[in-house]
PDB file of N, CA and C in Angstrom:
ATOM      1  N   MET A   1      -8.700 -12.469  12.655  1.00  0.00           N
ATOM      2  CA  MET A   1     -10.135 -12.690  12.617  1.00  0.00           C
ATOM      3  C   MET A   1     -10.829 -11.382  12.219  1.00  0.00           C
ATOM      4  N   GLU A   2     -11.663 -11.487  11.224  1.00  0.00           N
ATOM      5  CA  GLU A   2     -12.363 -10.295  10.750  1.00  0.00           C
ATOM      6  C   GLU A   2     -13.609 -10.048  11.586  1.00  0.00           C
ATOM      7  N   ARG A   3     -13.808  -8.802  11.940  1.00  0.00           N
ATOM      8  CA  ARG A   3     -15.017  -8.422  12.669  1.00  0.00           C
ATOM      9  C   ARG A   3     -16.012  -7.863  11.681  1.00  0.00           C
ATOM     10  N   HIS A   4     -17.265  -8.241  11.832  1.00  0.00           N
ATOM     11  CA  HIS A   4     -18.315  -7.708  10.976  1.00  0.00           C
ATOM     12  C   HIS A   4     -19.074  -6.661  11.757  1.00  0.00           C
ATOM     13  N   LEU A   5     -18.936  -5.416  11.342  1.00  0.00           N
ATOM     14  CA  LEU A   5     -19.603  -4.308  12.004  1.00  0.00           C
ATOM     15  C   LEU A   5     -20.573  -3.690  11.017  1.00  0.00           C
ATOM     16  N   SER A   6     -21.771  -3.420  11.441  1.00  0.00           N
ATOM     17  CA  SER A   6     -22.744  -2.796  10.548  1.00  0.00           C
ATOM     18  C   SER A   6     -23.692  -1.950  11.358  1.00  0.00           C
ATOM     19  N   SER A   7     -24.532  -1.201  10.651  1.00  0.00           N
ATOM     20  CA  SER A   7     -25.484  -0.349  11.342  1.00  0.00           C
ATOM     21  C   SER A   7     -26.521  -1.159  12.094  1.00  0.00           C
ATOM     22  N   SER A   8     -26.709  -2.431  11.720  1.00  0.00           N
ATOM     23  CA  SER A   8     -27.696  -3.247  12.410  1.00  0.00           C
ATOM     24  C   SER A   8     -27.130  -3.870  13.681  1.00  0.00           C
ATOM     25  N   ALA A   9     -25.817  -3.927  13.799  1.00  0.00           N
ATOM     26  CA  ALA A   9     -25.184  -4.467  14.998  1.00  0.00           C
ATOM     27  C   ALA A   9     -25.068  -3.359  16.038  1.00  0.00           C
ATOM     28  N   ALA A  10     -24.651  -3.749  17.228  1.00  0.00           N
ATOM     29  CA  ALA A  10     -24.402  -2.745  18.261  1.00  0.00           C
ATOM     30  C   ALA A  10     -23.296  -1.809  17.771  1.00  0.00           C
ATOM     31  N   GLU A  11     -23.370  -0.562  18.192  1.00  0.00           N
ATOM     32  CA  GLU A  11     -22.370   0.417  17.775  1.00  0.00           C
ATOM     33  C   GLU A  11     -20.982  -0.046  18.206  1.00  0.00           C
ATOM     34  N   PRO A  12     -20.018  -0.061  17.269  1.00  0.00           N
ATOM     35  CA  PRO A  12     -18.665  -0.476  17.637  1.00  0.00           C
ATOM     36  C   PRO A  12     -18.014   0.566  18.545  1.00  0.00           C
ATOM     37  N   THR A  13     -16.993   0.152  19.239  1.00  0.00           N
ATOM     38  CA  THR A  13     -16.237   1.076  20.077  1.00  0.00           C
ATOM     39  C   THR A  13     -15.140   1.729  19.244  1.00  0.00           C
ATOM     40  N   ARG A  14     -14.594   2.794  19.750  1.00  0.00           N
ATOM     41  CA  ARG A  14     -13.481   3.463  19.063  1.00  0.00           C
ATOM     42  C   ARG A  14     -12.301   2.502  18.945  1.00  0.00           C
ATOM     43  N   ALA A  15     -12.044   1.718  19.982  1.00  0.00           N
ATOM     44  CA  ALA A  15     -10.937   0.756  19.951  1.00  0.00           C
ATOM     45  C   ALA A  15     -11.152  -0.296  18.858  1.00  0.00           C
ATOM     46  N   GLU A  16     -12.382  -0.758  18.689  1.00  0.00           N
ATOM     47  CA  GLU A  16     -12.670  -1.726  17.626  1.00  0.00           C
ATOM     48  C   GLU A  16     -12.408  -1.111  16.257  1.00  0.00           C
ATOM     49  N   ILE A  17     -12.845   0.120  16.082  1.00  0.00           N
ATOM     50  CA  ILE A  17     -12.629   0.821  14.810  1.00  0.00           C
ATOM     51  C   ILE A  17     -11.137   0.965  14.537  1.00  0.00           C
ATOM     52  N   GLU A  18     -10.380   1.393  15.530  1.00  0.00           N
ATOM     53  CA  GLU A  18      -8.952   1.629  15.345  1.00  0.00           C
ATOM     54  C   GLU A  18      -8.153   0.340  15.162  1.00  0.00           C
ATOM     55  N   SER A  19      -8.719  -0.798  15.546  1.00  0.00           N
ATOM     56  CA  SER A  19      -8.013  -2.067  15.378  1.00  0.00           C
ATOM     57  C   SER A  19      -8.151  -2.628  13.964  1.00  0.00           C
ATOM     58  N   LEU A  20      -9.072  -2.099  13.175  1.00  0.00           N
ATOM     59  CA  LEU A  20      -9.274  -2.589  11.814  1.00  0.00           C
ATOM     60  C   LEU A  20      -8.153  -2.088  10.910  1.00  0.00           C
ATOM     61  N   GLN A  21      -7.559  -3.006  10.178  1.00  0.00           N
ATOM     62  CA  GLN A  21      -6.427  -2.662   9.332  1.00  0.00           C
ATOM     63  C   GLN A  21      -6.810  -2.375   7.886  1.00  0.00           C
ATOM     64  N   GLU A  22      -7.957  -2.862   7.463  1.00  0.00           N
ATOM     65  CA  GLU A  22      -8.379  -2.662   6.075  1.00  0.00           C
ATOM     66  C   GLU A  22      -8.845  -1.228   5.852  1.00  0.00           C
ATOM     67  N   PRO A  23      -8.909  -0.788   4.595  1.00  0.00           N
ATOM     68  CA  PRO A  23      -9.458   0.542   4.303  1.00  0.00           C
ATOM     69  C   PRO A  23     -10.886   0.623   4.833  1.00  0.00           C
ATOM     70  N   LEU A  24     -11.195   1.686   5.537  1.00  0.00           N
ATOM     71  CA  LEU A  24     -12.482   1.810   6.220  1.00  0.00           C
ATOM     72  C   LEU A  24     -13.064   3.197   6.000  1.00  0.00           C
ATOM     73  N   PHE A  25     -14.346   3.201   5.718  1.00  0.00           N
ATOM     74  CA  PHE A  25     -15.092   4.438   5.505  1.00  0.00           C
ATOM     75  C   PHE A  25     -16.260   4.420   6.490  1.00  0.00           C
ATOM     76  N   ILE A  26     -16.299   5.386   7.396  1.00  0.00           N
ATOM     77  CA  ILE A  26     -17.378   5.470   8.391  1.00  0.00           C
ATOM     78  C   ILE A  26     -18.269   6.642   8.019  1.00  0.00           C
ATOM     79  N   GLU A  27     -19.552   6.361   7.964  1.00  0.00           N
ATOM     80  CA  GLU A  27     -20.538   7.393   7.639  1.00  0.00           C
ATOM     81  C   GLU A  27     -21.407   7.645   8.867  1.00  0.00           C
ATOM     82  N   PHE A  28     -21.262   8.811   9.462  1.00  0.00           N
ATOM     83  CA  PHE A  28     -22.086   9.208  10.600  1.00  0.00           C
ATOM     84  C   PHE A  28     -23.254  10.026  10.078  1.00  0.00           C
ATOM     85  N   GLY A  29     -24.466   9.680  10.496  1.00  0.00           N
ATOM     86  CA  GLY A  29     -25.634  10.426  10.050  1.00  0.00           C
ATOM     87  C   GLY A  29     -26.896   9.904  10.712  1.00  0.00           C
ATOM     88  N   ALA A  30     -28.018  10.248  10.105  1.00  0.00           N
ATOM     89  CA  ALA A  30     -29.320   9.806  10.599  1.00  0.00           C
ATOM     90  C   ALA A  30     -30.201   9.490   9.391  1.00  0.00           C
ATOM     91  N   SER A  31     -31.053   8.505   9.530  1.00  0.00           N
ATOM     92  CA  SER A  31     -31.881   8.050   8.411  1.00  0.00           C
ATOM     93  C   SER A  31     -32.847   9.120   7.914  1.00  0.00           C
ATOM     94  N   TRP A  32     -33.207  10.053   8.762  1.00  0.00           N
ATOM     95  CA  TRP A  32     -34.157  11.103   8.396  1.00  0.00           C
ATOM     96  C   TRP A  32     -33.481  12.396   7.933  1.00  0.00           C
ATOM     97  N   CYS A  33     -32.156  12.452   7.981  1.00  0.00           N
ATOM     98  CA  CYS A  33     -31.390  13.662   7.647  1.00  0.00           C
ATOM     99  C   CYS A  33     -31.382  13.907   6.140  1.00  0.00           C
ATOM    100  N   GLY A  34     -31.867  15.056   5.712  1.00  0.00           N
ATOM    101  CA  GLY A  34     -31.906  15.402   4.292  1.00  0.00           C
ATOM    102  C   GLY A  34     -30.537  15.429   3.635  1.00  0.00           C
ATOM    103  N   HIS A  35     -29.531  15.953   4.340  1.00  0.00           N
ATOM    104  CA  HIS A  35     -28.172  15.988   3.794  1.00  0.00           C
ATOM    105  C   HIS A  35     -27.635  14.570   3.611  1.00  0.00           C
ATOM    106  N   CYS A  36     -27.957  13.684   4.562  1.00  0.00           N
ATOM    107  CA  CYS A  36     -27.513  12.286   4.485  1.00  0.00           C
ATOM    108  C   CYS A  36     -28.170  11.582   3.306  1.00  0.00           C
ATOM    109  N   ILE A  37     -29.450  11.799   3.136  1.00  0.00           N
ATOM    110  CA  ILE A  37     -30.188  11.184   2.032  1.00  0.00           C
ATOM    111  C   ILE A  37     -29.635  11.672   0.694  1.00  0.00           C
ATOM    112  N   ALA A  38     -29.379  12.966   0.583  1.00  0.00           N
ATOM    113  CA  ALA A  38     -28.856  13.534  -0.660  1.00  0.00           C
ATOM    114  C   ALA A  38     -27.466  13.001  -0.997  1.00  0.00           C
ATOM    115  N   ALA A  39     -26.682  12.642   0.002  1.00  0.00           N
ATOM    116  CA  ALA A  39     -25.320  12.161  -0.223  1.00  0.00           C
ATOM    117  C   ALA A  39     -25.262  10.694  -0.655  1.00  0.00           C
ATOM    118  N   GLN A  40     -26.318   9.929  -0.445  1.00  0.00           N
ATOM    119  CA  GLN A  40     -26.273   8.492  -0.718  1.00  0.00           C
ATOM    120  C   GLN A  40     -25.895   8.134  -2.152  1.00  0.00           C
ATOM    121  N   PRO A  41     -26.476   8.753  -3.180  1.00  0.00           N
ATOM    122  CA  PRO A  41     -26.066   8.393  -4.547  1.00  0.00           C
ATOM    123  C   PRO A  41     -24.595   8.729  -4.825  1.00  0.00           C
ATOM    124  N   LEU A  42     -24.100   9.815  -4.258  1.00  0.00           N
ATOM    125  CA  LEU A  42     -22.700  10.199  -4.439  1.00  0.00           C
ATOM    126  C   LEU A  42     -21.778   9.175  -3.797  1.00  0.00           C
ATOM    127  N   ILE A  43     -22.135   8.766  -2.586  1.00  0.00           N
ATOM    128  CA  ILE A  43     -21.333   7.777  -1.849  1.00  0.00           C
ATOM    129  C   ILE A  43     -21.335   6.449  -2.587  1.00  0.00           C
ATOM    130  N   ALA A  44     -22.507   5.990  -2.995  1.00  0.00           N
ATOM    131  CA  ALA A  44     -22.620   4.705  -3.690  1.00  0.00           C
ATOM    132  C   ALA A  44     -21.806   4.709  -4.981  1.00  0.00           C
ATOM    133  N   SER A  45     -21.870   5.791  -5.724  1.00  0.00           N
ATOM    134  CA  SER A  45     -21.127   5.892  -6.973  1.00  0.00           C
ATOM    135  C   SER A  45     -19.619   5.836  -6.732  1.00  0.00           C
ATOM    136  N   ALA A  46     -19.143   6.584  -5.771  1.00  0.00           N
ATOM    137  CA  ALA A  46     -17.707   6.614  -5.471  1.00  0.00           C
ATOM    138  C   ALA A  46     -17.223   5.273  -4.919  1.00  0.00           C
ATOM    139  N   LEU A  47     -18.020   4.634  -4.081  1.00  0.00           N
ATOM    140  CA  LEU A  47     -17.632   3.349  -3.500  1.00  0.00           C
ATOM    141  C   LEU A  47     -17.556   2.243  -4.543  1.00  0.00           C
ATOM    142  N   GLY A  48     -18.267   2.395  -5.643  1.00  0.00           N
ATOM    143  CA  GLY A  48     -18.238   1.388  -6.697  1.00  0.00           C
ATOM    144  C   GLY A  48     -16.845   1.136  -7.239  1.00  0.00           C
ATOM    145  N   ASP A  49     -15.987   2.132  -7.172  1.00  0.00           N
ATOM    146  CA  ASP A  49     -14.608   2.003  -7.647  1.00  0.00           C
ATOM    147  C   ASP A  49     -13.654   1.482  -6.568  1.00  0.00           C
ATOM    148  N   HIS A  50     -14.170   1.202  -5.388  1.00  0.00           N
ATOM    149  CA  HIS A  50     -13.325   0.772  -4.260  1.00  0.00           C
ATOM    150  C   HIS A  50     -13.971  -0.413  -3.539  1.00  0.00           C
ATOM    151  N   PRO A  51     -14.059  -1.558  -4.206  1.00  0.00           N
ATOM    152  CA  PRO A  51     -14.774  -2.709  -3.633  1.00  0.00           C
ATOM    153  C   PRO A  51     -14.138  -3.280  -2.368  1.00  0.00           C
ATOM    154  N   ARG A  52     -12.864  -3.022  -2.131  1.00  0.00           N
ATOM    155  CA  ARG A  52     -12.196  -3.573  -0.943  1.00  0.00           C
ATOM    156  C   ARG A  52     -12.365  -2.696   0.297  1.00  0.00           C
ATOM    157  N   THR A  53     -12.940  -1.530   0.127  1.00  0.00           N
ATOM    158  CA  THR A  53     -13.121  -0.616   1.254  1.00  0.00           C
ATOM    159  C   THR A  53     -14.380  -0.977   2.025  1.00  0.00           C
ATOM    160  N   ARG A  54     -14.242  -1.140   3.318  1.00  0.00           N
ATOM    161  CA  ARG A  54     -15.385  -1.452   4.184  1.00  0.00           C
ATOM    162  C   ARG A  54     -16.108  -0.168   4.540  1.00  0.00           C
ATOM    163  N   ARG A  55     -17.433  -0.226   4.481  1.00  0.00           N
ATOM    164  CA  ARG A  55     -18.277   0.916   4.842  1.00  0.00           C
ATOM    165  C   ARG A  55     -19.057   0.555   6.092  1.00  0.00           C
ATOM    166  N   ILE A  56     -19.024   1.454   7.063  1.00  0.00           N
ATOM    167  CA  ILE A  56     -19.814   1.291   8.280  1.00  0.00           C
ATOM    168  C   ILE A  56     -20.688   2.532   8.424  1.00  0.00           C
ATOM    169  N   LYS A  57     -21.990   2.318   8.446  1.00  0.00           N
ATOM    170  CA  LYS A  57     -22.917   3.424   8.657  1.00  0.00           C
ATOM    171  C   LYS A  57     -23.280   3.447  10.135  1.00  0.00           C
ATOM    172  N   ILE A  58     -23.113   4.605  10.750  1.00  0.00           N
ATOM    173  CA  ILE A  58     -23.411   4.765  12.172  1.00  0.00           C
ATOM    174  C   ILE A  58     -24.559   5.756  12.321  1.00  0.00           C
ATOM    175  N   GLU A  59     -25.649   5.282  12.890  1.00  0.00           N
ATOM    176  CA  GLU A  59     -26.779   6.160  13.213  1.00  0.00           C
ATOM    177  C   GLU A  59     -26.325   7.010  14.394  1.00  0.00           C
ATOM    178  N   ASP A  60     -26.162   8.304  14.158  1.00  0.00           N
ATOM    179  CA  ASP A  60     -25.604   9.192  15.166  1.00  0.00           C
ATOM    180  C   ASP A  60     -26.710  10.001  15.832  1.00  0.00           C
ATOM    181  N   GLY A  61     -26.403  10.564  16.958  1.00  0.00           N
ATOM    182  CA  GLY A  61     -27.353  11.405  17.670  1.00  0.00           C
ATOM    183  C   GLY A  61     -26.875  11.657  19.089  1.00  0.00           C
ATOM    184  N   PRO A  62     -27.682  12.355  19.871  1.00  0.00           N
ATOM    185  CA  PRO A  62     -27.311  12.656  21.258  1.00  0.00           C
ATOM    186  C   PRO A  62     -27.000  11.375  22.039  1.00  0.00           C
ATOM    187  N   GLY A  63     -25.925  11.433  22.784  1.00  0.00           N
ATOM    188  CA  GLY A  63     -25.549  10.308  23.628  1.00  0.00           C
ATOM    189  C   GLY A  63     -24.858   9.169  22.909  1.00  0.00           C
ATOM    190  N   ARG A  64     -24.602   9.320  21.624  1.00  0.00           N
ATOM    191  CA  ARG A  64     -23.915   8.264  20.877  1.00  0.00           C
ATOM    192  C   ARG A  64     -22.411   8.489  20.999  1.00  0.00           C
ATOM    193  N   ARG A  65     -21.746   7.612  21.687  1.00  0.00           N
ATOM    194  CA  ARG A  65     -20.339   7.803  22.051  1.00  0.00           C
ATOM    195  C   ARG A  65     -19.376   7.825  20.876  1.00  0.00           C
ATOM    196  N   LEU A  66     -19.595   6.956  19.901  1.00  0.00           N
ATOM    197  CA  LEU A  66     -18.632   6.886  18.802  1.00  0.00           C
ATOM    198  C   LEU A  66     -18.587   8.206  18.036  1.00  0.00           C
ATOM    199  N   GLY A  67     -19.737   8.759  17.727  1.00  0.00           N
ATOM    200  CA  GLY A  67     -19.778  10.048  17.040  1.00  0.00           C
ATOM    201  C   GLY A  67     -19.096  11.148  17.840  1.00  0.00           C
ATOM    202  N   ARG A  68     -19.304  11.145  19.148  1.00  0.00           N
ATOM    203  CA  ARG A  68     -18.665  12.162  19.988  1.00  0.00           C
ATOM    204  C   ARG A  68     -17.147  11.969  20.002  1.00  0.00           C
ATOM    205  N   SER A  69     -16.685  10.708  20.015  1.00  0.00           N
ATOM    206  CA  SER A  69     -15.240  10.472  20.055  1.00  0.00           C
ATOM    207  C   SER A  69     -14.558  10.958  18.775  1.00  0.00           C
ATOM    208  N   PHE A  70     -15.309  11.022  17.676  1.00  0.00           N
ATOM    209  CA  PHE A  70     -14.782  11.543  16.416  1.00  0.00           C
ATOM    210  C   PHE A  70     -15.085  13.030  16.240  1.00  0.00           C
ATOM    211  N   GLY A  71     -15.744  13.647  17.205  1.00  0.00           N
ATOM    212  CA  GLY A  71     -16.043  15.071  17.119  1.00  0.00           C
ATOM    213  C   GLY A  71     -17.083  15.422  16.066  1.00  0.00           C
ATOM    214  N   VAL A  72     -18.003  14.495  15.798  1.00  0.00           N
ATOM    215  CA  VAL A  72     -19.033  14.719  14.787  1.00  0.00           C
ATOM    216  C   VAL A  72     -20.033  15.751  15.284  1.00  0.00           C
ATOM    217  N   LYS A  73     -20.274  16.774  14.454  1.00  0.00           N
ATOM    218  CA  LYS A  73     -21.236  17.823  14.802  1.00  0.00           C
ATOM    219  C   LYS A  73     -22.297  18.000  13.734  1.00  0.00           C
ATOM    220  N   LEU A  74     -21.966  17.700  12.477  1.00  0.00           N
ATOM    221  CA  LEU A  74     -22.908  17.831  11.370  1.00  0.00           C
ATOM    222  C   LEU A  74     -22.997  16.508  10.619  1.00  0.00           C
ATOM    223  N   TRP A  75     -24.131  16.265   9.997  1.00  0.00           N
ATOM    224  CA  TRP A  75     -24.347  15.033   9.232  1.00  0.00           C
ATOM    225  C   TRP A  75     -24.519  15.348   7.763  1.00  0.00           C
ATOM    226  N   PRO A  76     -24.133  14.464   6.909  1.00  0.00           N
ATOM    227  CA  PRO A  76     -23.270  13.338   7.237  1.00  0.00           C
ATOM    228  C   PRO A  76     -21.821  13.791   7.403  1.00  0.00           C
ATOM    229  N   THR A  77     -21.138  13.114   8.302  1.00  0.00           N
ATOM    230  CA  THR A  77     -19.696  13.258   8.424  1.00  0.00           C
ATOM    231  C   THR A  77     -19.108  11.933   7.972  1.00  0.00           C
ATOM    232  N   LEU A  78     -18.218  11.998   7.009  1.00  0.00           N
ATOM    233  CA  LEU A  78     -17.575  10.818   6.450  1.00  0.00           C
ATOM    234  C   LEU A  78     -16.130  10.791   6.922  1.00  0.00           C
ATOM    235  N   VAL A  79     -15.747   9.703   7.571  1.00  0.00           N
ATOM    236  CA  VAL A  79     -14.385   9.551   8.086  1.00  0.00           C
ATOM    237  C   VAL A  79     -13.731   8.405   7.328  1.00  0.00           C
ATOM    238  N   PHE A  80     -12.566   8.658   6.761  1.00  0.00           N
ATOM    239  CA  PHE A  80     -11.847   7.684   5.954  1.00  0.00           C
ATOM    240  C   PHE A  80     -10.607   7.260   6.720  1.00  0.00           C
ATOM    241  N   MET A  81     -10.479   5.947   6.968  1.00  0.00           N
ATOM    242  CA  MET A  81      -9.389   5.444   7.799  1.00  0.00           C
ATOM    243  C   MET A  81      -8.584   4.383   7.062  1.00  0.00           C
ATOM    244  N   ARG A  82      -7.291   4.386   7.347  1.00  0.00           N
ATOM    245  CA  ARG A  82      -6.380   3.390   6.799  1.00  0.00           C
ATOM    246  C   ARG A  82      -5.509   2.888   7.933  1.00  0.00           C
ATOM    247  N   ARG A  83      -5.510   1.591   8.123  1.00  0.00           N
ATOM    248  CA  ARG A  83      -4.729   0.949   9.197  1.00  0.00           C
ATOM    249  C   ARG A  83      -5.029   1.565  10.557  1.00  0.00           C
ATOM    250  N   GLY A  84      -6.306   1.851  10.792  1.00  0.00           N
ATOM    251  CA  GLY A  84      -6.749   2.343  12.095  1.00  0.00           C
ATOM    252  C   GLY A  84      -6.560   3.824  12.344  1.00  0.00           C
ATOM    253  N   GLN A  85      -6.071   4.551  11.347  1.00  0.00           N
ATOM    254  CA  GLN A  85      -5.809   5.982  11.506  1.00  0.00           C
ATOM    255  C   GLN A  85      -6.667   6.789  10.533  1.00  0.00           C
ATOM    256  N   GLU A  86      -7.208   7.898  11.016  1.00  0.00           N
ATOM    257  CA  GLU A  86      -7.982   8.776  10.149  1.00  0.00           C
ATOM    258  C   GLU A  86      -7.054   9.441   9.145  1.00  0.00           C
ATOM    259  N   VAL A  87      -7.443   9.376   7.875  1.00  0.00           N
ATOM    260  CA  VAL A  87      -6.657   9.940   6.785  1.00  0.00           C
ATOM    261  C   VAL A  87      -7.363  11.150   6.182  1.00  0.00           C
ATOM    262  N   ALA A  88      -8.687  11.090   6.126  1.00  0.00           N
ATOM    263  CA  ALA A  88      -9.453  12.186   5.536  1.00  0.00           C
ATOM    264  C   ALA A  88     -10.828  12.241   6.184  1.00  0.00           C
ATOM    265  N   ARG A  89     -11.468  13.411   6.026  1.00  0.00           N
ATOM    266  CA  ARG A  89     -12.805  13.620   6.584  1.00  0.00           C
ATOM    267  C   ARG A  89     -13.556  14.582   5.669  1.00  0.00           C
ATOM    268  N   LEU A  90     -14.811  14.261   5.411  1.00  0.00           N
ATOM    269  CA  LEU A  90     -15.673  15.147   4.634  1.00  0.00           C
ATOM    270  C   LEU A  90     -16.949  15.389   5.429  1.00  0.00           C
ATOM    271  N   ILE A  91     -17.391  16.613   5.425  1.00  0.00           N
ATOM    272  CA  ILE A  91     -18.632  16.971   6.110  1.00  0.00           C
ATOM    273  C   ILE A  91     -19.601  17.514   5.072  1.00  0.00           C
ATOM    274  N   ARG A  92     -20.768  16.891   5.004  1.00  0.00           N
ATOM    275  CA  ARG A  92     -21.809  17.263   4.043  1.00  0.00           C
ATOM    276  C   ARG A  92     -21.276  17.380   2.611  1.00  0.00           C
ATOM    277  N   PRO A  93     -20.697  16.298   2.099  1.00  0.00           N
ATOM    278  CA  PRO A  93     -20.174  16.350   0.733  1.00  0.00           C
ATOM    279  C   PRO A  93     -21.302  16.563  -0.277  1.00  0.00           C
ATOM    280  N   THR A  94     -20.996  17.310  -1.322  1.00  0.00           N
ATOM    281  CA  THR A  94     -21.999  17.594  -2.352  1.00  0.00           C
ATOM    282  C   THR A  94     -21.538  17.165  -3.743  1.00  0.00           C
ATOM    283  N   ASP A  95     -20.333  16.562  -3.831  1.00  0.00           N
ATOM    284  CA  ASP A  95     -19.916  16.063  -5.138  1.00  0.00           C
ATOM    285  C   ASP A  95     -19.146  14.757  -4.982  1.00  0.00           C
ATOM    286  N   ARG A  96     -19.284  13.913  -5.975  1.00  0.00           N
ATOM    287  CA  ARG A  96     -18.687  12.591  -5.971  1.00  0.00           C
ATOM    288  C   ARG A  96     -17.164  12.661  -5.952  1.00  0.00           C
ATOM    289  N   SER A  97     -16.576  13.646  -6.620  1.00  0.00           N
ATOM    290  CA  SER A  97     -15.122  13.690  -6.759  1.00  0.00           C
ATOM    291  C   SER A  97     -14.402  13.819  -5.415  1.00  0.00           C
ATOM    292  N   ALA A  98     -14.951  14.570  -4.482  1.00  0.00           N
ATOM    293  CA  ALA A  98     -14.317  14.701  -3.160  1.00  0.00           C
ATOM    294  C   ALA A  98     -14.333  13.362  -2.423  1.00  0.00           C
ATOM    295  N   ILE A  99     -15.447  12.644  -2.534  1.00  0.00           N
ATOM    296  CA  ILE A  99     -15.543  11.330  -1.900  1.00  0.00           C
ATOM    297  C   ILE A  99     -14.567  10.361  -2.559  1.00  0.00           C
ATOM    298  N   ALA A 100     -14.524  10.363  -3.881  1.00  0.00           N
ATOM    299  CA  ALA A 100     -13.618   9.478  -4.614  1.00  0.00           C
ATOM    300  C   ALA A 100     -12.155   9.762  -4.261  1.00  0.00           C
ATOM    301  N   GLN A 101     -11.811  11.027  -4.126  1.00  0.00           N
ATOM    302  CA  GLN A 101     -10.436  11.392  -3.782  1.00  0.00           C
ATOM    303  C   GLN A 101     -10.082  10.871  -2.380  1.00  0.00           C
ATOM    304  N   ALA A 102     -10.988  11.019  -1.433  1.00  0.00           N
ATOM    305  CA  ALA A 102     -10.734  10.529  -0.073  1.00  0.00           C
ATOM    306  C   ALA A 102     -10.618   8.999  -0.060  1.00  0.00           C
ATOM    307  N   LEU A 103     -11.452   8.321  -0.825  1.00  0.00           N
ATOM    308  CA  LEU A 103     -11.375   6.854  -0.902  1.00  0.00           C
ATOM    309  C   LEU A 103     -10.047   6.408  -1.499  1.00  0.00           C
ATOM    310  N   THR A 104      -9.556   7.133  -2.486  1.00  0.00           N
ATOM    311  CA  THR A 104      -8.270   6.793  -3.103  1.00  0.00           C
ATOM    312  C   THR A 104      -7.140   6.908  -2.080  1.00  0.00           C
ATOM    313  N   GLN A 105      -7.241   7.837  -1.154  1.00  0.00           N
ATOM    314  CA  GLN A 105      -6.205   8.011  -0.123  1.00  0.00           C
ATOM    315  C   GLN A 105      -6.104   6.821   0.819  1.00  0.00           C
ATOM    316  N   ILE A 106      -7.186   6.065   0.987  1.00  0.00           N
ATOM    317  CA  ILE A 106      -7.145   4.937   1.929  1.00  0.00           C
ATOM    318  C   ILE A 106      -7.097   3.579   1.237  1.00  0.00           C
ATOM    319  N   ASP A 107      -7.251   3.549  -0.055  1.00  0.00           N
ATOM    320  CA  ASP A 107      -7.315   2.293  -0.804  1.00  0.00           C
ATOM    321  C   ASP A 107      -5.945   1.623  -0.824  1.00  0.00           C
ATOM    322  N   ASP A 108      -5.861   0.398  -0.355  1.00  0.00           N
ATOM    323  CA  ASP A 108      -4.610  -0.350  -0.335  1.00  0.00           C
ATOM    324  C   ASP A 108      -4.080  -0.641  -1.729  1.00  0.00           C
ATOM    325  N   GLU A 109      -4.946  -0.591  -2.720  1.00  0.00           N
ATOM    326  CA  GLU A 109      -4.542  -0.877  -4.092  1.00  0.00           C
ATOM    327  C   GLU A 109      -3.903   0.326  -4.771  1.00  0.00           C
ATOM    328  N   SER A 110      -3.989   1.515  -4.121  1.00  0.00           N
ATOM    329  CA  SER A 110      -3.459   2.735  -4.762  1.00  0.00           C
ATOM    330  C   SER A 110      -1.962   2.822  -4.623  1.00  0.00           C
TER     331      SER A 110
END
C-alpha cells in the first residue's frame, strides 16, 4: 500500500520515511527562506529527469522532530533515499548538476 506524504499532510515520522522503498527526495526548509527559494528552479529542473522519484517537502523549524532526526541545521537540506536508506545529502545546493547527480544515485532506473 502506497502512502501519500506531502507538505500539506501531517509531518511523517522517521519510521514512515524509512519504510518507503521507492526513490525518495526529502527537502527540509522554510517557505520564507531565501536559500530555499533560490534552490527551487534547480530542484525542479533536476527532478524533471527523474519522474519516478517521490519528493517530500518538509517545513522545518524549532521543535520539528523529523528535521532533528536527520540532523538538519541549515536550509535547504536535501536528503536522497533509496529503499529507506540515506544515500546522499546536499546542503544549500547552488547548481543543478549536484542535485542531478544525487538523484541519479537513488533512481531505480539507473
